[in-house]
Amino acid sequence: MASYGREDLEQAVKVIRGGGVILYPTDTVWGIGCDASCSEAVKRIFEIKKREDSKSMLVLVDSVAKLNYYVEDVPELAYDLIDLSDKPLTLIYDGARRIAPQLIAEDGSVGIRVTKEEFSHDLCARVRGAVVSTSANISGQPSPACFGQISREILDAVDYVAEYRRDDARQARPSGIVKLGAGGLVKVIRE
């Protein structure tokens, strides 16, 4: 049984399916999110964050099975890294596909994290696709470590704010980031 309210998840799913933008808890920091295949919603997130289009954002999926849908060729190493990681890990893959073009870096890559956190996992499963996850801050400002640190400007700009974990004051941290490139390249970007 989920520890969040069913209505909370259903409302978040409804907003995302309608092309809207939400604020929601993830396996790391609170995230601003939308359907990763909806260019208009992704554009709104860039506007909300006052972020340059050239800075890509990562996406969340609920299972490793979804990776092959969004990445042309998932390296075998990715599955091992996901299985062995004891903390949230974002992997950057070459050959991004089936997502909004603004989410694809100039080199054709995309950052994807398989989320194991209850709410964000179930959100991705119910949306049946990738959900954008970018920190809930204006670009250049510090990422809020808990819900109470999110600015009024961000809260007012989204279409829905999840109820779940608002009172959780634990200091969240961003995920590790590893780029997996051609020829077996492995580059740690953030531990």
C-alpha atoms as a PDB file:
ATOM      1  CA  MET A   1       0.000   0.000   0.000  1.00  0.00           C
ATOM      2  CA  ALA A   2       1.355   3.407  -0.973  1.00  0.00           C
ATOM      3  CA  SER A   3       2.072   5.898   1.796  1.00  0.00           C
ATOM      4  CA  TYR A   4       0.925   8.835  -0.345  1.00  0.00           C
ATOM      5  CA  GLY A   5      -2.688   9.719  -1.120  1.00  0.00           C
ATOM      6  CA  ARG A   6      -4.120   8.126  -4.250  1.00  0.00           C
ATOM      7  CA  GLU A   7      -5.844  11.395  -5.175  1.00  0.00           C
ATOM      8  CA  ASP A   8      -2.492  13.199  -4.976  1.00  0.00           C
ATOM      9  CA  LEU A   9      -0.909  10.840  -7.516  1.00  0.00           C
ATOM     10  CA  GLU A  10      -4.000  10.867  -9.753  1.00  0.00           C
ATOM     11  CA  GLN A  11      -4.026  14.674  -9.864  1.00  0.00           C
ATOM     12  CA  ALA A  12      -0.321  14.786 -10.758  1.00  0.00           C
ATOM     13  CA  VAL A  13      -0.889  12.232 -13.545  1.00  0.00           C
ATOM     14  CA  LYS A  14      -3.906  14.189 -14.852  1.00  0.00           C
ATOM     15  CA  VAL A  15      -1.913  17.431 -15.010  1.00  0.00           C
ATOM     16  CA  ILE A  16       1.022  15.769 -16.798  1.00  0.00           C
ATOM     17  CA  ARG A  17      -1.250  14.010 -19.305  1.00  0.00           C
ATOM     18  CA  GLY A  18      -2.906  17.372 -19.962  1.00  0.00           C
ATOM     19  CA  GLY A  19       0.434  18.941 -20.895  1.00  0.00           C
ATOM     20  CA  GLY A  20       0.934  20.658 -17.545  1.00  0.00           C
ATOM     21  CA  VAL A  21       3.874  21.116 -15.191  1.00  0.00           C
ATOM     22  CA  ILE A  22       4.057  19.754 -11.648  1.00  0.00           C
ATOM     23  CA  LEU A  23       6.268  20.017  -8.581  1.00  0.00           C
ATOM     24  CA  TYR A  24       6.876  16.616  -6.998  1.00  0.00           C
ATOM     25  CA  PRO A  25       9.141  14.634  -4.657  1.00  0.00           C
ATOM     26  CA  THR A  26      11.732  12.384  -6.288  1.00  0.00           C
ATOM     27  CA  ASP A  27      14.424  10.012  -5.109  1.00  0.00           C
ATOM     28  CA  THR A  28      16.681  13.059  -4.692  1.00  0.00           C
ATOM     29  CA  VAL A  29      15.510  16.692  -4.466  1.00  0.00           C
ATOM     30  CA  TRP A  30      12.011  18.003  -5.240  1.00  0.00           C
ATOM     31  CA  GLY A  31      11.598  18.204  -8.991  1.00  0.00           C
ATOM     32  CA  ILE A  32       9.759  20.269 -11.541  1.00  0.00           C
ATOM     33  CA  GLY A  33       8.315  17.822 -14.030  1.00  0.00           C
ATOM     34  CA  CYS A  34       6.222  17.205 -17.102  1.00  0.00           C
ATOM     35  CA  ASP A  35       5.755  14.629 -19.848  1.00  0.00           C
ATOM     36  CA  ALA A  36       9.225  14.289 -21.382  1.00  0.00           C
ATOM     37  CA  SER A  37       7.716  13.930 -24.853  1.00  0.00           C
ATOM     38  CA  CYS A  38       5.691  17.177 -24.665  1.00  0.00           C
ATOM     39  CA  SER A  39       7.785  20.004 -26.138  1.00  0.00           C
ATOM     40  CA  GLU A  40       5.432  22.760 -24.974  1.00  0.00           C
ATOM     41  CA  ALA A  41       5.537  21.585 -21.346  1.00  0.00           C
ATOM     42  CA  VAL A  42       9.328  21.211 -21.472  1.00  0.00           C
ATOM     43  CA  LYS A  43       9.559  24.764 -22.857  1.00  0.00           C
ATOM     44  CA  ARG A  44       7.492  25.985 -19.886  1.00  0.00           C
ATOM     45  CA  ILE A  45       9.932  24.386 -17.442  1.00  0.00           C
ATOM     46  CA  PHE A  46      12.826  26.226 -19.087  1.00  0.00           C
ATOM     47  CA  GLU A  47      10.810  29.461 -18.708  1.00  0.00           C
ATOM     48  CA  ILE A  48       9.920  28.736 -15.064  1.00  0.00           C
ATOM     49  CA  LYS A  49      13.572  28.063 -14.219  1.00  0.00           C
ATOM     50  CA  LYS A  50      14.765  30.988 -16.381  1.00  0.00           C
ATOM     51  CA  ARG A  51      17.205  28.516 -17.865  1.00  0.00           C
ATOM     52  CA  GLU A  52      18.938  28.549 -21.232  1.00  0.00           C
ATOM     53  CA  ASP A  53      17.637  25.975 -23.727  1.00  0.00           C
ATOM     54  CA  SER A  54      21.202  24.751 -24.235  1.00  0.00           C
ATOM     55  CA  LYS A  55      21.267  23.245 -20.719  1.00  0.00           C
ATOM     56  CA  SER A  56      19.497  19.902 -20.924  1.00  0.00           C
ATOM     57  CA  MET A  57      17.437  18.373 -18.109  1.00  0.00           C
ATOM     58  CA  LEU A  58      17.240  14.762 -17.026  1.00  0.00           C
ATOM     59  CA  VAL A  59      14.235  12.456 -17.096  1.00  0.00           C
ATOM     60  CA  LEU A  60      12.965   9.745 -14.772  1.00  0.00           C
ATOM     61  CA  VAL A  61      11.578   6.355 -15.734  1.00  0.00           C
ATOM     62  CA  ASP A  62      10.114   3.646 -13.516  1.00  0.00           C
ATOM     63  CA  SER A  63      12.013   0.648 -14.893  1.00  0.00           C
ATOM     64  CA  VAL A  64      15.129  -0.413 -16.779  1.00  0.00           C
ATOM     65  CA  ALA A  65      12.816  -1.882 -19.430  1.00  0.00           C
ATOM     66  CA  LYS A  66      11.889   1.674 -20.501  1.00  0.00           C
ATOM     67  CA  LEU A  67      15.514   2.609 -21.239  1.00  0.00           C
ATOM     68  CA  ASN A  68      15.460   0.919 -24.645  1.00  0.00           C
ATOM     69  CA  TYR A  69      12.483   3.030 -25.677  1.00  0.00           C
ATOM     70  CA  TYR A  70      14.360   6.297 -25.048  1.00  0.00           C
ATOM     71  CA  VAL A  71      17.904   5.241 -25.967  1.00  0.00           C
ATOM     72  CA  GLU A  72      19.003   3.690 -29.270  1.00  0.00           C
ATOM     73  CA  ASP A  73      21.581   1.345 -27.745  1.00  0.00           C
ATOM     74  CA  VAL A  74      21.759   0.880 -23.967  1.00  0.00           C
ATOM     75  CA  PRO A  75      25.244  -0.348 -22.969  1.00  0.00           C
ATOM     76  CA  GLU A  76      25.234  -3.551 -20.882  1.00  0.00           C
ATOM     77  CA  LEU A  77      27.247  -1.688 -18.253  1.00  0.00           C
ATOM     78  CA  ALA A  78      24.222   0.543 -17.591  1.00  0.00           C
ATOM     79  CA  TYR A  79      22.227  -2.367 -16.174  1.00  0.00           C
ATOM     80  CA  ASP A  80      25.081  -3.317 -13.844  1.00  0.00           C
ATOM     81  CA  LEU A  81      25.544   0.263 -12.632  1.00  0.00           C
ATOM     82  CA  ILE A  82      21.820   0.637 -11.932  1.00  0.00           C
ATOM     83  CA  ASP A  83      21.693  -2.694 -10.062  1.00  0.00           C
ATOM     84  CA  LEU A  84      24.824  -2.027  -8.015  1.00  0.00           C
ATOM     85  CA  SER A  85      24.230   1.627  -7.139  1.00  0.00           C
ATOM     86  CA  ASP A  86      23.212   2.153  -3.529  1.00  0.00           C
ATOM     87  CA  LYS A  87      22.095   5.741  -4.175  1.00  0.00           C
ATOM     88  CA  PRO A  88      20.206   7.490  -6.993  1.00  0.00           C
ATOM     89  CA  LEU A  89      22.259   7.423 -10.187  1.00  0.00           C
ATOM     90  CA  THR A  90      21.633   9.351 -13.390  1.00  0.00           C
ATOM     91  CA  LEU A  91      23.243   7.850 -16.464  1.00  0.00           C
ATOM     92  CA  ILE A  92      23.865   9.885 -19.595  1.00  0.00           C
ATOM     93  CA  TYR A  93      23.299   7.849 -22.736  1.00  0.00           C
ATOM     94  CA  ASP A  94      24.135   8.561 -26.363  1.00  0.00           C
ATOM     95  CA  GLY A  95      21.396   8.182 -28.969  1.00  0.00           C
ATOM     96  CA  ALA A  96      18.418   9.803 -27.235  1.00  0.00           C
ATOM     97  CA  ARG A  97      15.060   9.338 -28.939  1.00  0.00           C
ATOM     98  CA  ARG A  98      11.302   9.753 -28.434  1.00  0.00           C
ATOM     99  CA  ILE A  99      11.606  12.745 -26.097  1.00  0.00           C
ATOM    100  CA  ALA A 100      11.206  16.481 -26.581  1.00  0.00           C
ATOM    101  CA  PRO A 101      14.141  17.874 -28.586  1.00  0.00           C
ATOM    102  CA  GLN A 102      14.936  20.413 -25.834  1.00  0.00           C
ATOM    103  CA  LEU A 103      15.887  17.506 -23.545  1.00  0.00           C
ATOM    104  CA  ILE A 104      18.484  16.150 -25.946  1.00  0.00           C
ATOM    105  CA  ALA A 105      21.985  17.590 -25.542  1.00  0.00           C
ATOM    106  CA  GLU A 106      23.913  18.873 -28.559  1.00  0.00           C
ATOM    107  CA  ASP A 107      25.800  15.568 -28.748  1.00  0.00           C
ATOM    108  CA  GLY A 108      22.538  13.597 -28.939  1.00  0.00           C
ATOM    109  CA  SER A 109      22.665  12.364 -25.346  1.00  0.00           C
ATOM    110  CA  VAL A 110      20.089  12.354 -22.557  1.00  0.00           C
ATOM    111  CA  GLY A 111      20.313  11.866 -18.799  1.00  0.00           C
ATOM    112  CA  ILE A 112      17.949   9.188 -17.471  1.00  0.00           C
ATOM    113  CA  ARG A 113      17.479   7.904 -13.929  1.00  0.00           C
ATOM    114  CA  VAL A 114      15.465   4.837 -12.976  1.00  0.00           C
ATOM    115  CA  THR A 115      13.682   6.054  -9.860  1.00  0.00           C
ATOM    116  CA  LYS A 116      12.968   3.733  -6.973  1.00  0.00           C
ATOM    117  CA  GLU A 117      11.305   6.348  -4.756  1.00  0.00           C
ATOM    118  CA  GLU A 118       7.636   5.498  -4.258  1.00  0.00           C
ATOM    119  CA  PHE A 119       5.830   8.595  -5.572  1.00  0.00           C
ATOM    120  CA  SER A 120       8.063   9.383  -8.560  1.00  0.00           C
ATOM    121  CA  HIS A 121       8.227   5.689  -9.527  1.00  0.00           C
ATOM    122  CA  ASP A 122       4.440   5.324  -9.485  1.00  0.00           C
ATOM    123  CA  LEU A 123       4.051   8.650 -11.308  1.00  0.00           C
ATOM    124  CA  CYS A 124       6.252   7.451 -14.177  1.00  0.00           C
ATOM    125  CA  ALA A 125       4.435   4.109 -14.257  1.00  0.00           C
ATOM    126  CA  ARG A 126       1.000   5.764 -14.408  1.00  0.00           C
ATOM    127  CA  VAL A 127       2.092   8.314 -17.022  1.00  0.00           C
ATOM    128  CA  ARG A 128       3.540   5.312 -18.932  1.00  0.00           C
ATOM    129  CA  GLY A 129       6.603   7.251 -19.945  1.00  0.00           C
ATOM    130  CA  ALA A 130       9.503   9.437 -18.995  1.00  0.00           C
ATOM    131  CA  VAL A 131       8.905  12.413 -16.715  1.00  0.00           C
ATOM    132  CA  VAL A 132      11.213  15.433 -16.642  1.00  0.00           C
ATOM    133  CA  SER A 133      12.967  15.955 -13.327  1.00  0.00           C
ATOM    134  CA  THR A 134      14.871  19.160 -12.748  1.00  0.00           C
ATOM    135  CA  SER A 135      15.576  20.814  -9.414  1.00  0.00           C
ATOM    136  CA  ALA A 136      12.906  23.172  -8.107  1.00  0.00           C
ATOM    137  CA  ASN A 137      14.906  26.383  -8.311  1.00  0.00           C
ATOM    138  CA  ILE A 138      15.552  29.314 -10.600  1.00  0.00           C
ATOM    139  CA  SER A 139      18.661  28.569 -12.679  1.00  0.00           C
ATOM    140  CA  GLY A 140      21.809  29.688 -10.882  1.00  0.00           C
ATOM    141  CA  GLN A 141      20.236  29.584  -7.414  1.00  0.00           C
ATOM    142  CA  PRO A 142      20.901  26.757  -4.932  1.00  0.00           C
ATOM    143  CA  SER A 143      18.781  23.620  -5.253  1.00  0.00           C
ATOM    144  CA  PRO A 144      16.330  23.350  -2.347  1.00  0.00           C
ATOM    145  CA  ALA A 145      17.184  20.401  -0.094  1.00  0.00           C
ATOM    146  CA  CYS A 146      13.589  20.054   1.144  1.00  0.00           C
ATOM    147  CA  PHE A 147      10.108  21.309   0.264  1.00  0.00           C
ATOM    148  CA  GLY A 148      10.272  24.215   2.738  1.00  0.00           C
ATOM    149  CA  GLN A 149      13.182  25.762   0.800  1.00  0.00           C
ATOM    150  CA  ILE A 150      11.309  26.000  -2.522  1.00  0.00           C
ATOM    151  CA  SER A 151      10.658  29.617  -3.521  1.00  0.00           C
ATOM    152  CA  ARG A 152       7.170  31.071  -3.840  1.00  0.00           C
ATOM    153  CA  GLU A 153       8.038  31.958  -7.449  1.00  0.00           C
ATOM    154  CA  ILE A 154       8.454  28.263  -8.319  1.00  0.00           C
ATOM    155  CA  LEU A 155       5.396  27.170  -6.323  1.00  0.00           C
ATOM    156  CA  ASP A 156       3.204  29.733  -8.094  1.00  0.00           C
ATOM    157  CA  ALA A 157       4.510  28.891 -11.574  1.00  0.00           C
ATOM    158  CA  VAL A 158       3.557  25.190 -11.720  1.00  0.00           C
ATOM    159  CA  ASP A 159       0.100  23.721 -12.361  1.00  0.00           C
ATOM    160  CA  TYR A 160       0.120  21.262  -9.466  1.00  0.00           C
ATOM    161  CA  VAL A 161       2.169  20.759  -6.283  1.00  0.00           C
ATOM    162  CA  ALA A 162       2.166  17.231  -4.858  1.00  0.00           C
ATOM    163  CA  GLU A 163       1.056  16.881  -1.235  1.00  0.00           C
ATOM    164  CA  TYR A 164       3.259  13.885  -0.461  1.00  0.00           C
ATOM    165  CA  ARG A 165       6.440  14.514   1.591  1.00  0.00           C
ATOM    166  CA  ARG A 166       5.912  18.258   1.987  1.00  0.00           C
ATOM    167  CA  ASP A 167       6.686  17.940   5.689  1.00  0.00           C
ATOM    168  CA  ASP A 168       9.806  15.826   5.133  1.00  0.00           C
ATOM    169  CA  ALA A 169      12.687  18.027   6.324  1.00  0.00           C
ATOM    170  CA  ARG A 170      15.506  15.573   5.522  1.00  0.00           C
ATOM    171  CA  GLN A 171      18.212  17.247   3.466  1.00  0.00           C
ATOM    172  CA  ALA A 172      18.027  15.633   0.017  1.00  0.00           C
ATOM    173  CA  ARG A 173      21.023  15.443  -2.300  1.00  0.00           C
ATOM    174  CA  PRO A 174      21.293  15.358  -6.078  1.00  0.00           C
ATOM    175  CA  SER A 175      22.039  12.054  -7.791  1.00  0.00           C
ATOM    176  CA  GLY A 176      25.384  10.825  -8.973  1.00  0.00           C
ATOM    177  CA  ILE A 177      25.908  11.357 -12.707  1.00  0.00           C
ATOM    178  CA  VAL A 178      27.874   9.052 -15.004  1.00  0.00           C
ATOM    179  CA  LYS A 179      28.208   9.430 -18.775  1.00  0.00           C
ATOM    180  CA  LEU A 180      28.348   6.232 -20.798  1.00  0.00           C
ATOM    181  CA  GLY A 181      29.817   6.918 -24.221  1.00  0.00           C
ATOM    182  CA  ALA A 182      30.855   5.145 -27.376  1.00  0.00           C
ATOM    183  CA  GLY A 183      33.502   2.458 -27.142  1.00  0.00           C
ATOM    184  CA  GLY A 184      32.884   1.769 -23.463  1.00  0.00           C
ATOM    185  CA  LEU A 185      33.691   5.306 -22.267  1.00  0.00           C
ATOM    186  CA  VAL A 186      32.722   5.863 -18.636  1.00  0.00           C
ATOM    187  CA  LYS A 187      33.025   9.367 -17.226  1.00  0.00           C
ATOM    188  CA  VAL A 188      31.973  10.264 -13.668  1.00  0.00           C
ATOM    189  CA  ILE A 189      30.475  13.755 -13.757  1.00  0.00           C
ATOM    190  CA  ARG A 190      29.161  13.942 -10.185  1.00  0.00           C
ATOM    191  CA  GLU A 191      29.655  11.396  -7.405  1.00  0.00           C
END
